[in-house]
N, C-alpha and C. Protein backbone atom coordinates (compact mmCIF):
# COMPACT_ATOMS: atom_id res chain seq x y z
N MET A 1 0.83 -1.19 0.00
CA MET A 1 0.00 0.00 0.00
C MET A 1 0.87 1.26 0.00
N ILE A 2 1.98 1.21 0.74
CA ILE A 2 2.87 2.37 0.79
C ILE A 2 3.44 2.67 -0.59
N GLU A 3 3.78 1.63 -1.35
CA GLU A 3 4.29 1.83 -2.70
C GLU A 3 3.24 2.51 -3.58
N LEU A 4 2.00 2.11 -3.45
CA LEU A 4 0.93 2.75 -4.22
C LEU A 4 0.81 4.22 -3.86
N VAL A 5 0.87 4.54 -2.58
CA VAL A 5 0.79 5.94 -2.14
C VAL A 5 1.93 6.74 -2.75
N ARG A 6 3.14 6.21 -2.68
CA ARG A 6 4.30 6.93 -3.25
C ARG A 6 4.13 7.17 -4.75
N ARG A 7 3.66 6.15 -5.44
CA ARG A 7 3.50 6.28 -6.88
C ARG A 7 2.41 7.28 -7.22
N LEU A 8 1.31 7.25 -6.48
CA LEU A 8 0.22 8.20 -6.73
C LEU A 8 0.66 9.63 -6.44
N GLN A 9 1.42 9.81 -5.37
CA GLN A 9 1.89 11.15 -5.02
C GLN A 9 2.91 11.68 -6.03
N SER A 10 3.57 10.80 -6.76
CA SER A 10 4.58 11.24 -7.73
C SER A 10 3.97 11.66 -9.06
N ILE A 11 2.69 11.43 -9.25
CA ILE A 11 2.02 11.85 -10.49
C ILE A 11 1.96 13.37 -10.51
N SER A 12 2.25 13.93 -11.67
CA SER A 12 2.46 15.38 -11.75
C SER A 12 1.29 16.22 -11.24
N ASP A 13 0.06 15.77 -11.45
CA ASP A 13 -1.09 16.57 -11.00
C ASP A 13 -1.82 15.90 -9.83
N SER A 14 -1.09 15.14 -9.04
CA SER A 14 -1.67 14.44 -7.90
C SER A 14 -2.23 15.42 -6.87
N TYR A 15 -3.30 15.01 -6.21
CA TYR A 15 -3.88 15.81 -5.14
C TYR A 15 -4.45 14.84 -4.09
N PHE A 16 -4.64 15.34 -2.89
CA PHE A 16 -4.99 14.51 -1.74
C PHE A 16 -6.21 13.62 -2.00
N GLU A 17 -7.29 14.20 -2.48
CA GLU A 17 -8.52 13.45 -2.69
C GLU A 17 -8.34 12.35 -3.74
N PHE A 18 -7.52 12.60 -4.73
CA PHE A 18 -7.20 11.60 -5.75
C PHE A 18 -6.52 10.39 -5.10
N VAL A 19 -5.50 10.65 -4.30
CA VAL A 19 -4.77 9.57 -3.63
C VAL A 19 -5.71 8.78 -2.73
N VAL A 20 -6.51 9.45 -1.93
CA VAL A 20 -7.44 8.78 -1.02
C VAL A 20 -8.46 7.96 -1.80
N GLY A 21 -8.97 8.50 -2.90
CA GLY A 21 -9.95 7.78 -3.71
C GLY A 21 -9.38 6.50 -4.31
N VAL A 22 -8.16 6.57 -4.83
CA VAL A 22 -7.54 5.38 -5.40
C VAL A 22 -7.25 4.37 -4.29
N LEU A 23 -6.80 4.84 -3.14
CA LEU A 23 -6.56 3.92 -2.01
C LEU A 23 -7.85 3.24 -1.57
N ALA A 24 -8.94 3.98 -1.56
CA ALA A 24 -10.23 3.40 -1.17
C ALA A 24 -10.61 2.29 -2.15
N TYR A 25 -10.33 2.50 -3.43
CA TYR A 25 -10.64 1.49 -4.44
C TYR A 25 -9.77 0.23 -4.24
N ALA A 26 -8.50 0.42 -3.94
CA ALA A 26 -7.55 -0.70 -3.90
C ALA A 26 -7.38 -1.32 -2.52
N TYR A 27 -7.97 -0.74 -1.50
CA TYR A 27 -7.65 -1.08 -0.11
C TYR A 27 -7.79 -2.55 0.23
N ASN A 28 -8.89 -3.18 -0.05
CA ASN A 28 -9.11 -4.57 0.38
C ASN A 28 -8.92 -5.60 -0.72
N ASP A 29 -8.34 -5.22 -1.82
CA ASP A 29 -8.20 -6.16 -2.93
C ASP A 29 -6.84 -5.96 -3.60
N SER A 30 -5.94 -6.88 -3.35
CA SER A 30 -4.58 -6.74 -3.89
C SER A 30 -4.57 -6.76 -5.42
N SER A 31 -5.54 -7.43 -6.04
CA SER A 31 -5.56 -7.44 -7.50
C SER A 31 -5.87 -6.04 -8.04
N ARG A 32 -6.69 -5.29 -7.33
CA ARG A 32 -6.97 -3.90 -7.74
C ARG A 32 -5.70 -3.07 -7.66
N MET A 33 -4.96 -3.23 -6.56
CA MET A 33 -3.73 -2.47 -6.39
C MET A 33 -2.74 -2.83 -7.51
N THR A 34 -2.63 -4.10 -7.81
CA THR A 34 -1.73 -4.55 -8.86
C THR A 34 -2.12 -3.96 -10.21
N ARG A 35 -3.42 -3.96 -10.52
CA ARG A 35 -3.88 -3.40 -11.80
C ARG A 35 -3.56 -1.92 -11.91
N VAL A 36 -3.77 -1.17 -10.82
CA VAL A 36 -3.48 0.27 -10.85
C VAL A 36 -1.98 0.50 -11.02
N LEU A 37 -1.16 -0.23 -10.27
CA LEU A 37 0.29 -0.08 -10.39
C LEU A 37 0.76 -0.45 -11.80
N ASP A 38 0.22 -1.52 -12.36
CA ASP A 38 0.59 -1.92 -13.72
C ASP A 38 0.19 -0.84 -14.72
N TYR A 39 -0.98 -0.24 -14.51
CA TYR A 39 -1.44 0.82 -15.41
C TYR A 39 -0.50 2.03 -15.32
N ILE A 40 -0.10 2.39 -14.13
CA ILE A 40 0.84 3.51 -13.97
C ILE A 40 2.16 3.16 -14.64
N ASP A 41 2.62 1.92 -14.46
CA ASP A 41 3.88 1.49 -15.07
C ASP A 41 3.84 1.55 -16.59
N GLY A 42 2.66 1.42 -17.16
CA GLY A 42 2.51 1.43 -18.61
C GLY A 42 2.89 2.76 -19.25
N ASN A 43 2.87 3.83 -18.48
CA ASN A 43 3.21 5.15 -19.01
C ASN A 43 3.47 6.09 -17.83
N GLU A 44 4.67 6.48 -17.66
CA GLU A 44 5.06 7.34 -16.53
C GLU A 44 4.44 8.74 -16.61
N ASN A 45 3.91 9.12 -17.76
CA ASN A 45 3.36 10.46 -17.94
C ASN A 45 1.85 10.52 -17.72
N ARG A 46 1.29 9.49 -17.13
CA ARG A 46 -0.16 9.48 -16.90
C ARG A 46 -0.54 10.60 -15.92
N LYS A 47 -1.70 11.15 -16.13
CA LYS A 47 -2.27 12.17 -15.24
C LYS A 47 -3.28 11.51 -14.31
N SER A 48 -3.68 12.22 -13.28
CA SER A 48 -4.66 11.68 -12.34
C SER A 48 -5.96 11.32 -13.06
N SER A 49 -6.37 12.12 -14.02
CA SER A 49 -7.61 11.83 -14.75
C SER A 49 -7.51 10.53 -15.55
N ASP A 50 -6.33 10.22 -16.09
CA ASP A 50 -6.13 8.96 -16.80
C ASP A 50 -6.33 7.77 -15.87
N ILE A 51 -5.79 7.88 -14.68
CA ILE A 51 -5.89 6.79 -13.71
C ILE A 51 -7.32 6.64 -13.22
N LEU A 52 -8.00 7.74 -12.98
CA LEU A 52 -9.40 7.66 -12.56
C LEU A 52 -10.28 7.10 -13.66
N ASP A 53 -10.03 7.46 -14.91
CA ASP A 53 -10.77 6.87 -16.03
C ASP A 53 -10.56 5.37 -16.08
N PHE A 54 -9.32 4.94 -15.88
CA PHE A 54 -9.00 3.52 -15.89
C PHE A 54 -9.76 2.78 -14.78
N ILE A 55 -9.74 3.34 -13.58
CA ILE A 55 -10.42 2.71 -12.44
C ILE A 55 -11.93 2.64 -12.69
N CYS A 56 -12.51 3.72 -13.17
CA CYS A 56 -13.95 3.75 -13.42
C CYS A 56 -14.38 2.76 -14.50
N SER A 57 -13.46 2.37 -15.36
CA SER A 57 -13.79 1.42 -16.42
C SER A 57 -13.64 -0.03 -15.98
N GLN A 58 -13.17 -0.26 -14.76
CA GLN A 58 -12.99 -1.63 -14.27
C GLN A 58 -14.34 -2.24 -13.91
N PRO A 59 -14.52 -3.54 -14.22
CA PRO A 59 -15.81 -4.18 -13.97
C PRO A 59 -16.22 -4.21 -12.49
N ASP A 60 -15.23 -4.14 -11.61
CA ASP A 60 -15.54 -4.20 -10.17
C ASP A 60 -15.63 -2.82 -9.53
N PHE A 61 -15.62 -1.76 -10.34
CA PHE A 61 -15.64 -0.40 -9.78
C PHE A 61 -16.88 -0.13 -8.93
N TYR A 62 -18.01 -0.65 -9.36
CA TYR A 62 -19.26 -0.36 -8.65
C TYR A 62 -19.58 -1.36 -7.54
N LYS A 63 -18.64 -2.24 -7.26
CA LYS A 63 -18.83 -3.19 -6.17
C LYS A 63 -18.94 -2.41 -4.86
N VAL A 64 -19.97 -2.69 -4.10
CA VAL A 64 -20.20 -1.98 -2.84
C VAL A 64 -19.27 -2.54 -1.78
N CYS A 65 -18.60 -1.65 -1.07
CA CYS A 65 -17.74 -2.10 0.03
C CYS A 65 -18.49 -1.92 1.34
N ASP A 66 -18.07 -2.68 2.32
CA ASP A 66 -18.76 -2.58 3.61
C ASP A 66 -18.22 -1.40 4.41
N ASN A 67 -18.98 -0.97 5.40
CA ASN A 67 -18.59 0.19 6.21
C ASN A 67 -17.31 -0.05 6.99
N ASN A 68 -17.05 -1.30 7.36
CA ASN A 68 -15.82 -1.59 8.09
C ASN A 68 -14.60 -1.26 7.24
N SER A 69 -14.67 -1.54 5.96
CA SER A 69 -13.55 -1.23 5.07
C SER A 69 -13.29 0.27 5.04
N ILE A 70 -14.34 1.06 4.95
CA ILE A 70 -14.20 2.51 4.92
C ILE A 70 -13.64 3.02 6.25
N ASP A 71 -14.13 2.49 7.35
CA ASP A 71 -13.62 2.89 8.66
C ASP A 71 -12.15 2.53 8.82
N ASP A 72 -11.76 1.34 8.34
CA ASP A 72 -10.37 0.93 8.40
C ASP A 72 -9.49 1.87 7.59
N LEU A 73 -9.97 2.27 6.41
CA LEU A 73 -9.20 3.17 5.57
C LEU A 73 -9.02 4.53 6.24
N LYS A 74 -10.07 5.04 6.84
CA LYS A 74 -9.98 6.33 7.55
C LYS A 74 -8.99 6.23 8.70
N GLU A 75 -9.02 5.12 9.43
CA GLU A 75 -8.09 4.94 10.54
C GLU A 75 -6.66 4.88 10.03
N HIS A 76 -6.44 4.15 8.93
CA HIS A 76 -5.11 4.05 8.34
C HIS A 76 -4.64 5.42 7.88
N GLN A 77 -5.52 6.17 7.25
CA GLN A 77 -5.17 7.50 6.74
C GLN A 77 -4.75 8.41 7.90
N ALA A 78 -5.41 8.30 9.03
CA ALA A 78 -5.09 9.16 10.16
C ALA A 78 -3.72 8.87 10.73
N THR A 79 -3.20 7.67 10.50
CA THR A 79 -1.88 7.32 11.05
C THR A 79 -0.76 7.63 10.09
N CYS A 80 -1.06 8.02 8.86
CA CYS A 80 -0.01 8.30 7.88
C CYS A 80 0.62 9.67 8.10
């Protein structure tokens, strides 16, 4: 997860809400994190909008997460 945060923060137009949103998507599913990292690796010049478009096009994007996952993410974010 730390590697994903570093990579997201290194994107030229990165912003806090973008990083948190991508982390929320990838938090409980390592395959999601791998797909996002692979997508970033495909082109170092990607913008935040490119990554968000990619995530929104994933078949599991609309999968509902449970409240515990969101609470865990907020707790993790507070410790960073």
